[in-house]
């Protein structure tokens, strides 16, 4: 019995031990689970805190970016408003009427001519002890004539003693009109108590005399040329066409330069719709400043990106007069001797005014020679490259052997050789133009001889290629219009590349593309290939032959 009791006690003890162990293990497991839960909760809390911090940082960055954008927008708006207000102030200052109070009028004009040191304000008293103010621009106004003919007589005798023709004296009533008169070179005189100012046209003659144009030399014909003065140029045209049908419509273009231009045409000969079209295009001009007639030409032609010129730029009054009598118009621009004439055709670019100044058979011969060499200037290098590269069977045997002998030591193909020589020739031509006249021609000629000889001796280019390039250059010099020769110089390079890659097929492809472009090109509505396409029988007479001056087509 005792043994059984002991065994039961031992069993109970072991059971109790196991129970305690299990309880302890369960407790440890629960504590571990609690610790892991707490750790995960802490990590999630930390992650949430980090996320909230990052979100707060992003929100702050977004707010800062928004604030910066708003500040930049506000600055731009303020700048725009400031610029608009400044423009409005200037406009209002220029549009203010003269009050008659000399102090107020002087302040208004000084505000218009702020920081203009060449505009002089001269205050004085007349012989009748009336306060007066004279405003003029140094360089545009003749100060010696102003002193002798206006200021001295007005101060010593009175207003009626001014030695200026009354027919040329004008009056202005607003500050804008006064500013325009001053910038034209007139002297402005304001009197106390008078709301009308007097302008005296005392222009300073700073223009050169009429000389023969260097870019359009002639053997027989007029020797005078346009100058930089619009008034002088108008008189040169009027001297040749003494008819009331010759009309000049003058206007001012250019927001900053305020350049005066004149549209010239002969009424009764020109199409009235053409005059309307030209005036509409001039009205649409939005150019800030005009320093040369090219500024206007680029903005009113039909196709700006065409390599072919759509207006003639000339310095000769006889050329302008002749074109006006053929139904064209001219645009004369103040500040440049080059006058624009339109509409034009491709064949009018190849005609010289000297054709009508020489014997008829000589004129016809030179005209045909000009046509032939115009084609040679465009296609001769390309034809040489195509034939020597792909079509040697077209060359006679003796000539082929000579060309092969000259090219046997040349390391480049014919295309690269032609490109090298053409680029070198264009560089020499440009250098001769930019250098002073005394050395320009000498450098171009000596440079061409030395470079050609040295290149042939060194075996870089062959002698036949130098001959081809020289003939091409001479042919381009025969074109009367410099702008027409520029188009051939530009188109020569892509046609050479087509010839070097496709042979004569590439040359024909280039010709086809040029003809398609010329067929679609218009000069103020006139077809560029007229009178060939569309055909005009009357105009063809002036194309193949030189008609008598009284039978010129209009």
Protein backbone atom coordinates (compact mmCIF):
# COMPACT_ATOMS: atom_id res chain seq x y z
CA UNK A 1 0.00 0.00 0.00
CA UNK A 2 2.72 2.32 0.83
CA UNK A 3 4.39 1.57 -2.44
CA UNK A 4 1.24 2.37 -4.37
CA UNK A 5 0.83 5.59 -2.52
CA UNK A 6 4.37 6.49 -3.23
CA UNK A 7 3.89 5.70 -6.89
CA UNK A 8 0.80 7.79 -7.07
CA UNK A 9 2.60 10.62 -5.35
CA UNK A 10 5.45 10.33 -7.76
CA UNK A 11 3.04 10.28 -10.66
CA UNK A 12 1.24 13.24 -9.31
CA UNK A 13 4.53 14.99 -8.85
CA UNK A 14 5.60 14.25 -12.32
CA UNK A 15 2.23 15.35 -13.57
CA UNK A 16 2.50 18.51 -11.61
CA UNK A 17 5.97 19.07 -12.97
CA UNK A 18 4.77 18.52 -16.49
CA UNK A 19 1.88 20.84 -15.86
CA UNK A 20 4.21 23.47 -14.52
CA UNK A 21 6.54 23.02 -17.44
CA UNK A 22 3.69 23.24 -19.90
CA UNK A 23 2.36 26.26 -18.15
CA UNK A 24 5.74 27.92 -18.21
CA UNK A 25 6.22 27.05 -21.85
CA UNK A 26 2.77 28.33 -22.67
CA UNK A 27 3.51 31.48 -20.72
CA UNK A 28 6.80 31.98 -22.58
CA UNK A 29 5.10 31.40 -25.89
CA UNK A 30 2.39 33.87 -25.09
CA UNK A 31 4.95 36.40 -23.93
CA UNK A 32 6.89 35.85 -27.11
CA UNK A 33 3.75 36.31 -29.14
CA UNK A 34 2.95 39.44 -27.20
CA UNK A 35 6.48 40.71 -27.74
CA UNK A 36 6.29 39.97 -31.46
CA UNK A 37 2.92 41.68 -31.66
CA UNK A 38 4.28 44.66 -29.84
CA UNK A 39 7.33 44.71 -32.15
CA UNK A 40 5.18 44.57 -35.26
CA UNK A 41 2.93 47.26 -33.83
CA UNK A 42 5.93 49.42 -33.07
CA UNK A 43 7.38 48.85 -36.56
CA UNK A 44 4.03 49.65 -38.16
CA UNK A 45 3.77 52.76 -36.02
CA UNK A 46 7.28 53.78 -37.02
CA UNK A 47 6.50 53.12 -40.67
CA UNK A 48 3.30 55.11 -40.38
CA UNK A 49 5.18 57.94 -38.75
CA UNK A 50 7.81 57.88 -41.50
CA UNK A 51 5.07 57.82 -44.13
CA UNK A 52 3.32 60.75 -42.52
CA UNK A 53 6.62 62.63 -42.32
CA UNK A 54 7.33 61.95 -46.00
CA UNK A 55 3.80 62.99 -46.92
CA UNK A 56 4.24 66.17 -44.91
CA UNK A 57 7.56 66.84 -46.64
CA UNK A 58 5.98 66.24 -50.06
CA UNK A 59 3.07 68.48 -49.17
CA UNK A 60 5.50 71.17 -48.05
CA UNK A 61 7.49 70.81 -51.28
CA UNK A 62 4.29 70.96 -53.33
CA UNK A 63 3.20 74.04 -51.43
CA UNK A 64 6.59 75.66 -51.99
CA UNK A 65 6.48 74.82 -55.69
CA UNK A 66 2.97 76.21 -55.95
CA UNK A 67 4.05 79.34 -54.12
CA UNK A 68 7.08 79.70 -56.43
CA UNK A 69 4.89 79.21 -59.49
CA UNK A 70 2.40 81.74 -58.18
CA UNK A 71 5.20 84.18 -57.42
CA UNK A 72 6.69 83.73 -60.89
CA UNK A 73 3.26 84.16 -62.48
CA UNK A 74 2.65 87.25 -60.39
CA UNK A 75 6.05 88.62 -61.40
CA UNK A 76 5.36 87.96 -65.06
CA UNK A 77 1.94 89.54 -64.77
CA UNK A 78 3.41 92.52 -62.99
CA UNK A 79 6.09 92.84 -65.69
CA UNK A 80 3.47 92.60 -68.42
CA UNK A 81 1.29 95.12 -66.66
CA UNK A 82 4.28 97.37 -66.19
CA UNK A 83 5.26 97.07 -69.85
CA UNK A 84 1.67 97.72 -70.90
CA UNK A 85 1.47 100.70 -68.60
CA UNK A 86 4.78 102.00 -69.95
CA UNK A 87 3.54 101.56 -73.50
CA UNK A 88 0.27 103.23 -72.63
CA UNK A 89 2.15 106.05 -70.98
CA UNK A 90 4.34 106.49 -74.05
CA UNK A 91 1.33 106.37 -76.32
CA UNK A 92 -0.57 108.85 -74.22
CA UNK A 93 2.50 111.05 -74.02
CA UNK A 94 2.83 111.00 -77.79
CA UNK A 95 -0.86 111.63 -78.36
CA UNK A 96 -1.22 114.58 -75.99
CA UNK A 97 -2.34 117.84 -77.60
CA UNK A 98 -0.23 120.96 -77.20
CA UNK A 99 -1.62 123.17 -74.44
CA UNK A 100 0.04 126.52 -75.12
CA UNK A 101 1.74 126.41 -71.71
CA UNK A 102 5.43 126.24 -72.62
CA UNK A 103 6.43 124.48 -69.39
CA UNK A 104 3.85 121.70 -69.81
CA UNK A 105 4.62 121.24 -73.50
CA UNK A 106 8.34 121.06 -72.81
CA UNK A 107 7.79 118.42 -70.11
CA UNK A 108 5.65 116.39 -72.52
CA UNK A 109 8.28 116.48 -75.26
CA UNK A 110 11.10 115.73 -72.82
CA UNK A 111 9.14 112.70 -71.62
CA UNK A 112 8.83 111.53 -75.22
CA UNK A 113 12.57 112.02 -75.88
CA UNK A 114 13.85 110.61 -72.59
CA UNK A 115 17.57 109.70 -72.76
CA UNK A 116 17.82 111.12 -76.31
CA UNK A 117 20.95 113.24 -76.05
CA UNK A 118 20.84 114.18 -79.74
CA UNK A 119 17.51 116.03 -79.31
CA UNK A 120 18.20 119.62 -78.24
CA UNK A 121 15.78 121.87 -76.31
CA UNK A 122 16.71 125.55 -76.77
CA UNK A 123 14.74 128.16 -74.79
CA UNK A 124 14.88 131.85 -75.72
CA UNK A 125 12.78 135.00 -76.04
CA UNK A 126 11.57 136.56 -79.26
CA UNK A 127 11.92 140.22 -80.17
CA UNK A 128 8.47 140.79 -78.62
CA UNK A 129 9.63 139.30 -75.28
CA UNK A 130 7.60 136.15 -75.79
CA UNK A 131 9.01 132.93 -74.37
CA UNK A 132 9.82 130.40 -77.07
CA UNK A 133 11.23 126.90 -77.31
CA UNK A 134 13.06 125.40 -80.28
CA UNK A 135 13.47 121.61 -80.46
CA UNK A 136 15.61 119.90 -83.09
CA UNK A 137 17.71 116.77 -83.64
CA UNK A 138 21.44 117.17 -84.14
CA UNK A 139 22.60 115.46 -87.33
CA UNK A 140 19.20 115.51 -89.00
CA UNK A 141 18.61 119.25 -88.80
CA UNK A 142 21.00 121.78 -90.34
CA UNK A 143 21.96 123.84 -87.28
CA UNK A 144 23.74 126.53 -89.31
CA UNK A 145 20.63 127.24 -91.38
CA UNK A 146 18.51 127.09 -88.24
CA UNK A 147 20.68 129.71 -86.56
CA UNK A 148 20.89 131.95 -89.64
CA UNK A 149 17.35 131.67 -91.02
CA UNK A 150 15.17 131.19 -87.93
CA UNK A 151 16.67 131.82 -84.50
CA UNK A 152 18.60 135.03 -85.19
CA UNK A 153 15.80 136.82 -87.16
CA UNK A 154 13.13 135.77 -84.64
CA UNK A 155 15.17 137.03 -81.67
CA UNK A 156 16.17 140.32 -83.33
CA UNK A 157 13.13 141.25 -85.44
CA UNK A 158 10.19 138.92 -84.87
CA UNK A 159 8.39 135.82 -86.09
CA UNK A 160 7.65 137.32 -89.48
CA UNK A 161 11.40 137.69 -90.19
CA UNK A 162 12.11 133.97 -90.45
CA UNK A 163 13.86 133.40 -93.79
CA UNK A 164 12.11 130.14 -94.68
CA UNK A 165 9.63 129.78 -97.59
CA UNK A 166 6.11 129.89 -96.21
CA UNK A 167 5.00 127.09 -98.54
CA UNK A 168 7.29 124.63 -96.74
CA UNK A 169 6.37 125.72 -93.18
CA UNK A 170 3.82 123.48 -91.44
CA UNK A 171 1.97 123.46 -88.13
CA UNK A 172 1.42 120.60 -85.68
CA UNK A 173 -1.09 120.32 -82.85
CA UNK A 174 -0.11 117.16 -80.93
CA UNK A 175 3.06 115.88 -79.32
CA UNK A 176 3.05 112.84 -81.63
CA UNK A 177 3.08 115.04 -84.74
CA UNK A 178 5.79 117.18 -83.15
CA UNK A 179 7.96 114.11 -82.42
CA UNK A 180 7.57 112.82 -85.97
CA UNK A 181 8.55 116.21 -87.40
CA UNK A 182 11.64 116.39 -85.18
CA UNK A 183 12.76 112.88 -86.17
CA UNK A 184 12.31 113.79 -89.84
CA UNK A 185 14.93 116.53 -89.41
CA UNK A 186 12.63 119.53 -89.04
CA UNK A 187 13.04 122.26 -86.42
CA UNK A 188 10.06 122.70 -84.06
CA UNK A 189 9.23 126.15 -82.67
CA UNK A 190 6.76 126.58 -79.77
CA UNK A 191 5.54 129.94 -78.45
CA UNK A 192 4.03 130.76 -75.08
CA UNK A 193 0.24 130.96 -75.33
CA UNK A 194 -0.02 129.16 -78.69
CA UNK A 195 -1.34 125.60 -78.82
CA UNK A 196 0.02 125.19 -82.36
CA UNK A 197 3.73 124.62 -83.06
CA UNK A 198 5.56 125.58 -86.25
CA UNK A 199 7.93 123.23 -88.09
CA UNK A 200 10.72 124.41 -90.42
CA UNK A 201 12.10 121.85 -92.93
CA UNK A 202 15.79 122.53 -92.45
CA UNK A 203 17.02 119.07 -93.42
CA UNK A 204 20.71 118.38 -93.35
CA UNK A 205 21.94 117.08 -96.71
CA UNK A 206 23.96 113.97 -95.74
CA UNK A 207 23.39 111.96 -98.93
CA UNK A 208 25.95 111.03 -101.55
CA UNK A 209 25.64 112.16 -105.12
CA UNK A 210 24.25 109.97 -107.88
CA UNK A 211 26.95 107.65 -109.19
CA UNK A 212 27.16 104.70 -111.54
CA UNK A 213 26.10 101.49 -109.76
CA UNK A 214 29.08 99.21 -109.21
CA UNK A 215 26.97 96.03 -109.16
CA UNK A 216 25.25 96.82 -112.50
CA UNK A 217 27.87 98.17 -114.86
CA UNK A 218 26.98 98.86 -118.48
CA UNK A 219 28.82 99.69 -121.70
CA UNK A 220 26.11 101.95 -123.08
CA UNK A 221 23.37 103.60 -121.07
CA UNK A 222 22.73 105.96 -118.20
CA UNK A 223 25.48 106.40 -115.63
CA UNK A 224 23.41 107.65 -112.70
CA UNK A 225 22.15 105.38 -109.94
CA UNK A 226 19.89 105.47 -106.94
CA UNK A 227 21.13 106.83 -103.62
CA UNK A 228 20.02 106.39 -100.01
CA UNK A 229 17.60 109.35 -100.25
CA UNK A 230 14.01 108.51 -101.13
CA UNK A 231 13.31 112.00 -102.47
CA UNK A 232 16.32 111.80 -104.79
CA UNK A 233 15.30 108.37 -106.05
CA UNK A 234 11.75 109.52 -106.78
CA UNK A 235 13.09 112.45 -108.76
CA UNK A 236 15.36 110.15 -110.82
CA UNK A 237 12.36 108.04 -111.84
CA UNK A 238 10.18 111.09 -112.48
CA UNK A 239 12.90 112.58 -114.69
CA UNK A 240 12.58 109.61 -117.04
CA UNK A 241 8.78 109.31 -117.00
CA UNK A 242 7.39 112.83 -117.23
CA UNK A 243 3.75 111.82 -117.17
CA UNK A 244 0.96 112.32 -114.64
CA UNK A 245 0.15 108.62 -115.03
CA UNK A 246 3.26 107.82 -112.95
CA UNK A 247 1.95 107.47 -109.41
CA UNK A 248 3.84 107.40 -106.10
CA UNK A 249 2.05 106.21 -102.97
CA UNK A 250 4.17 106.88 -99.91
CA UNK A 251 3.74 105.27 -96.50
CA UNK A 252 5.71 104.60 -93.32
CA UNK A 253 6.58 101.05 -92.23
CA UNK A 254 8.62 99.64 -89.37
CA UNK A 255 7.58 99.95 -85.75
CA UNK A 256 10.95 101.29 -84.60
CA UNK A 257 12.63 102.62 -87.73
CA UNK A 258 9.55 104.41 -89.22
CA UNK A 259 11.04 103.98 -92.70
CA UNK A 260 9.39 105.80 -95.59
CA UNK A 261 8.69 103.70 -98.68
CA UNK A 262 7.02 104.57 -101.98
CA UNK A 263 4.98 102.33 -104.27
CA UNK A 264 5.50 103.41 -107.90
CA UNK A 265 3.41 102.36 -110.91
CA UNK A 266 2.04 103.76 -114.17
CA UNK A 267 -1.71 104.09 -114.12
CA UNK A 268 -3.41 102.71 -117.22
CA UNK A 269 -0.64 100.18 -117.89
CA UNK A 270 -0.52 98.17 -114.66
CA UNK A 271 -3.40 95.93 -113.63
CA UNK A 272 -5.45 97.66 -110.93
CA UNK A 273 -5.92 94.40 -109.01
CA UNK A 274 -2.13 94.05 -108.78
CA UNK A 275 -1.85 97.46 -107.12
CA UNK A 276 -4.55 96.47 -104.62
CA UNK A 277 -2.78 93.20 -103.85
CA UNK A 278 0.55 94.94 -103.25
CA UNK A 279 -1.01 97.51 -100.93
CA UNK A 280 -2.71 94.76 -98.93
CA UNK A 281 0.58 92.93 -98.50
CA UNK A 282 2.32 96.13 -97.42
CA UNK A 283 -0.47 96.78 -94.91
CA UNK A 284 0.13 93.33 -93.41
CA UNK A 285 3.82 94.08 -92.79
CA UNK A 286 4.75 93.53 -89.16
CA UNK A 287 8.43 94.41 -89.12
CA UNK A 288 10.08 96.15 -86.19
CA UNK A 289 12.78 97.88 -88.19
CA UNK A 290 13.63 98.12 -91.90
CA UNK A 291 17.27 98.77 -92.74
CA UNK A 292 17.24 97.45 -96.32
CA UNK A 293 14.70 96.58 -99.00
CA UNK A 294 15.33 92.84 -98.42
CA UNK A 295 13.36 93.17 -95.14
CA UNK A 296 10.26 94.03 -97.17
CA UNK A 297 10.95 91.55 -99.98
CA UNK A 298 11.02 88.52 -97.67
CA UNK A 299 7.69 89.44 -96.11
CA UNK A 300 5.61 90.14 -99.23
CA UNK A 301 6.76 87.54 -101.78
CA UNK A 302 4.62 84.48 -102.56
CA UNK A 303 7.05 81.73 -101.51
CA UNK A 304 9.66 82.77 -98.98
CA UNK A 305 11.69 79.54 -99.04
CA UNK A 306 12.18 79.30 -102.78
CA UNK A 307 15.81 79.63 -103.97
CA UNK A 308 14.67 81.64 -107.00
CA UNK A 309 14.22 85.42 -106.60
CA UNK A 310 10.67 86.69 -107.04
CA UNK A 311 11.57 90.38 -107.16
CA UNK A 312 14.31 92.30 -108.97
CA UNK A 313 16.62 94.44 -106.83
CA UNK A 314 18.20 97.17 -108.94
CA UNK A 315 20.14 100.40 -108.45
CA UNK A 316 19.42 101.80 -111.91
CA UNK A 317 16.59 104.29 -112.55
CA UNK A 318 16.36 103.34 -116.24
CA UNK A 319 15.66 99.70 -115.29
CA UNK A 320 12.86 100.83 -112.98
CA UNK A 321 11.38 103.12 -115.62
CA UNK A 322 11.49 100.37 -118.25
CA UNK A 323 9.77 97.86 -115.97
CA UNK A 324 7.10 100.40 -114.97
CA UNK A 325 6.25 100.90 -118.63
CA UNK A 326 5.87 97.11 -119.00
CA UNK A 327 3.12 96.98 -116.37
CA UNK A 328 5.17 96.21 -113.27
CA UNK A 329 5.44 98.10 -109.98
CA UNK A 330 8.43 99.27 -107.96
CA UNK A 331 8.98 99.75 -104.22
CA UNK A 332 11.51 102.43 -103.30
CA UNK A 333 12.84 102.36 -99.73
CA UNK A 334 14.41 105.25 -97.88
CA UNK A 335 17.95 104.50 -96.70
CA UNK A 336 18.96 102.05 -99.45
CA UNK A 337 19.74 102.45 -103.17
CA UNK A 338 18.21 99.07 -104.07
CA UNK A 339 14.69 99.30 -105.48
CA UNK A 340 12.38 96.27 -105.71
CA UNK A 341 10.56 95.51 -108.98
CA UNK A 342 7.85 92.86 -109.49
CA UNK A 343 6.27 90.75 -110.86
CA UNK A 344 9.17 89.01 -112.58
CA UNK A 345 9.80 85.81 -114.52
CA UNK A 346 12.79 83.54 -114.95
CA UNK A 347 13.50 84.96 -118.40
CA UNK A 348 13.29 88.58 -117.23
CA UNK A 349 16.11 87.72 -114.81
CA UNK A 350 18.27 86.75 -117.78
CA UNK A 351 17.61 89.93 -119.78
CA UNK A 352 19.85 92.96 -119.48
CA UNK A 353 18.72 96.58 -119.95
CA UNK A 354 21.67 96.92 -122.29
CA UNK A 355 19.86 94.65 -124.79
CA UNK A 356 17.84 97.69 -125.91
CA UNK A 357 20.86 100.01 -126.01
CA UNK A 358 22.82 98.00 -128.63
CA UNK A 359 22.37 96.87 -132.22
CA UNK A 360 19.59 94.31 -132.56
CA UNK A 361 21.67 91.38 -133.90
CA UNK A 362 24.33 91.84 -131.24
CA UNK A 363 21.65 91.99 -128.55
CA UNK A 364 20.00 88.78 -129.78
CA UNK A 365 23.37 86.99 -129.95
CA UNK A 366 24.28 88.02 -126.38
CA UNK A 367 20.82 87.07 -125.13
CA UNK A 368 21.06 83.56 -126.56
CA UNK A 369 24.62 83.22 -125.28
CA UNK A 370 23.33 84.18 -121.86
CA UNK A 371 20.64 81.48 -121.97
CA UNK A 372 23.18 78.80 -122.93
CA UNK A 373 25.66 79.73 -120.23
CA UNK A 374 22.91 79.92 -117.61
CA UNK A 375 22.17 76.23 -118.28
CA UNK A 376 25.91 75.44 -118.23
CA UNK A 377 26.37 77.20 -114.88
CA UNK A 378 23.70 74.93 -113.41
CA UNK A 379 24.43 71.55 -115.06
CA UNK A 380 28.03 71.45 -116.37
CA UNK A 381 29.78 70.06 -113.20
CA UNK A 382 26.94 67.57 -112.65
CA UNK A 383 27.10 66.34 -116.26
CA UNK A 384 30.88 65.91 -116.04
CA UNK A 385 30.60 63.92 -112.79
CA UNK A 386 27.82 61.69 -114.15
CA UNK A 387 29.54 60.96 -117.48
CA UNK A 388 33.02 60.29 -116.09
CA UNK A 389 31.62 58.08 -113.31
CA UNK A 390 28.85 56.05 -114.97
CA UNK A 391 28.71 56.79 -118.72
CA UNK A 392 32.27 56.68 -120.06
CA UNK A 393 30.99 55.28 -123.38
CA UNK A 394 29.57 58.73 -124.19
CA UNK A 395 33.06 60.29 -124.27
CA UNK A 396 35.14 60.08 -127.47
CA UNK A 397 38.06 57.69 -127.17
CA UNK A 398 40.83 60.27 -127.48
CA UNK A 399 39.21 62.56 -124.92
CA UNK A 400 38.50 59.61 -122.62
CA UNK A 401 42.17 58.58 -122.70
CA UNK A 402 43.22 62.15 -121.92
CA UNK A 403 40.82 62.34 -118.97
CA UNK A 404 41.91 58.91 -117.72
CA UNK A 405 45.58 59.95 -117.93
CA UNK A 406 44.85 63.11 -115.93
CA UNK A 407 42.85 61.21 -113.29
CA UNK A 408 45.04 58.15 -112.82
CA UNK A 409 46.83 59.61 -109.77
CA UNK A 410 43.81 61.37 -108.24
CA UNK A 411 42.83 59.70 -104.92
CA UNK A 412 39.25 60.99 -104.91
CA UNK A 413 36.23 60.10 -107.04
CA UNK A 414 34.89 62.68 -109.47
CA UNK A 415 32.09 63.75 -107.10
CA UNK A 416 34.43 64.55 -104.20
CA UNK A 417 36.82 66.26 -106.59
CA UNK A 418 34.02 68.47 -107.97
CA UNK A 419 32.76 69.35 -104.47
CA UNK A 420 36.26 70.34 -103.34
CA UNK A 421 36.82 72.61 -106.33
CA UNK A 422 33.34 74.20 -106.22
CA UNK A 423 33.59 74.96 -102.49
CA UNK A 424 37.09 76.40 -102.98
CA UNK A 425 35.86 78.55 -105.87
CA UNK A 426 32.90 79.86 -103.83
CA UNK A 427 35.28 80.66 -100.95
CA UNK A 428 37.59 82.59 -103.29
CA UNK A 429 34.65 84.49 -104.75
CA UNK A 430 33.35 85.43 -101.30
CA UNK A 431 36.83 86.47 -100.16
CA UNK A 432 37.18 88.72 -103.20
CA UNK A 433 33.86 90.39 -102.37
CA UNK A 434 34.63 90.97 -98.67
CA UNK A 435 38.18 92.26 -99.14
CA UNK A 436 38.86 95.91 -100.02
CA UNK A 437 38.42 96.71 -103.70
CA UNK A 438 42.12 97.42 -104.19
CA UNK A 439 43.16 93.90 -103.19
CA UNK A 440 39.97 91.88 -103.65
CA UNK A 441 40.28 91.23 -107.38
CA UNK A 442 44.03 90.55 -107.12
CA UNK A 443 43.54 88.03 -104.31
CA UNK A 444 40.76 86.19 -106.12
CA UNK A 445 42.65 85.91 -109.41
CA UNK A 446 46.07 85.07 -107.92
CA UNK A 447 44.46 82.72 -105.39
CA UNK A 448 42.62 80.83 -108.13
CA UNK A 449 45.79 80.46 -110.24
CA UNK A 450 48.02 79.41 -107.36
CA UNK A 451 45.53 77.04 -105.76
CA UNK A 452 44.61 75.45 -109.11
CA UNK A 453 48.21 74.91 -110.11
CA UNK A 454 49.23 73.62 -106.69
CA UNK A 455 46.24 71.26 -106.49
CA UNK A 456 47.03 69.83 -109.93
CA UNK A 457 50.72 69.38 -109.10
CA UNK A 458 49.92 67.70 -105.77
CA UNK A 459 47.55 65.28 -107.46
CA UNK A 460 44.47 66.33 -105.45
CA UNK A 461 42.38 67.42 -108.44
CA UNK A 462 42.74 66.87 -112.16
CA UNK A 463 43.22 69.52 -114.83
CA UNK A 464 39.90 68.75 -116.61
CA UNK A 465 38.02 69.41 -113.37
CA UNK A 466 39.70 72.81 -112.99
CA UNK A 467 38.62 73.67 -116.55
CA UNK A 468 35.03 72.60 -115.81
CA UNK A 469 34.88 74.69 -112.62
CA UNK A 470 36.41 77.72 -114.37
CA UNK A 471 33.86 77.56 -117.21
CA UNK A 472 31.07 77.21 -114.66
CA UNK A 473 32.28 80.29 -112.76
CA UNK A 474 32.51 82.36 -115.94
CA UNK A 475 29.01 81.22 -116.91
CA UNK A 476 27.59 82.34 -113.56
CA UNK A 477 29.20 85.77 -114.03
CA UNK A 478 27.24 86.24 -117.27
CA UNK A 479 23.88 86.29 -115.44
CA UNK A 480 22.77 89.97 -115.24
CA UNK A 481 20.99 89.60 -111.88
CA UNK A 482 23.13 88.69 -108.90
CA UNK A 483 20.15 87.14 -107.09
CA UNK A 484 19.53 84.80 -110.06
CA UNK A 485 23.17 83.65 -110.03
CA UNK A 486 22.86 82.84 -106.31
CA UNK A 487 20.06 80.36 -107.02
CA UNK A 488 22.21 78.49 -109.57
CA UNK A 489 25.13 78.41 -107.15
CA UNK A 490 22.93 76.85 -104.48
CA UNK A 491 21.22 74.30 -106.73
CA UNK A 492 24.50 73.19 -108.29
CA UNK A 493 25.51 71.19 -105.20
CA UNK A 494 22.42 68.94 -104.78
CA UNK A 495 22.40 68.21 -108.53
CA UNK A 496 26.09 67.20 -108.32
CA UNK A 497 25.28 64.82 -105.46
CA UNK A 498 22.44 63.28 -107.51
CA UNK A 499 24.80 62.94 -110.49
CA UNK A 500 27.47 61.25 -108.36
CA UNK A 501 24.99 58.72 -106.94
CA UNK A 502 22.59 58.06 -109.85
CA UNK A 503 24.42 59.27 -112.93
CA UNK A 504 22.51 61.03 -115.69
CA UNK A 505 19.28 59.68 -114.18
CA UNK A 506 20.03 61.80 -111.10
CA UNK A 507 20.69 64.86 -113.29
CA UNK A 508 17.35 64.37 -115.05
CA UNK A 509 15.64 63.88 -111.68
CA UNK A 510 17.09 67.18 -110.45
CA UNK A 511 15.94 68.98 -113.62
CA UNK A 512 12.44 67.54 -113.27
CA UNK A 513 12.19 68.69 -109.64
CA UNK A 514 13.38 72.19 -110.58
CA UNK A 515 10.88 72.44 -113.45
CA UNK A 516 8.04 71.27 -111.18
CA UNK A 517 8.98 73.92 -108.62
CA UNK A 518 9.25 76.66 -111.26
CA UNK A 519 5.88 75.65 -112.73
CA UNK A 520 4.20 76.15 -109.36
CA UNK A 521 6.10 79.33 -108.48
CA UNK A 522 4.33 82.69 -108.71
CA UNK A 523 5.56 86.26 -108.48
CA UNK A 524 2.59 88.30 -107.28
CA UNK A 525 0.27 85.99 -109.18
CA UNK A 526 2.34 85.94 -112.41
CA UNK A 527 3.61 82.47 -113.51
CA UNK A 528 7.37 82.28 -113.11
CA UNK A 529 7.89 80.47 -116.44
CA UNK A 530 5.76 82.91 -118.42
CA UNK A 531 5.61 83.41 -121.42
CA UNK A 532 6.65 79.76 -122.04
CA UNK A 533 4.25 78.16 -119.56
CA UNK A 534 1.52 79.26 -119.96
CA UNK A 535 2.36 80.15 -123.54
CA UNK A 536 1.95 83.78 -124.57
CA UNK A 537 2.67 84.36 -128.24
CA UNK A 538 3.15 88.10 -127.79
CA UNK A 539 5.59 87.60 -124.96
CA UNK A 540 7.59 84.95 -126.83
CA UNK A 541 8.68 87.64 -129.27
CA UNK A 542 10.65 89.35 -126.50
CA UNK A 543 12.06 86.00 -125.35
CA UNK A 544 13.65 84.66 -128.55
CA UNK A 545 14.17 88.01 -130.27
CA UNK A 546 14.71 91.60 -129.27
CA UNK A 547 11.76 93.64 -130.54
CA UNK A 548 11.95 97.33 -131.28
CA UNK A 549 11.62 99.57 -128.20
CA UNK A 550 8.21 100.81 -129.29
CA UNK A 551 6.97 97.21 -129.68
CA UNK A 552 8.00 95.96 -126.23
CA UNK A 553 5.28 93.76 -124.71
CA UNK A 554 3.31 95.16 -121.81
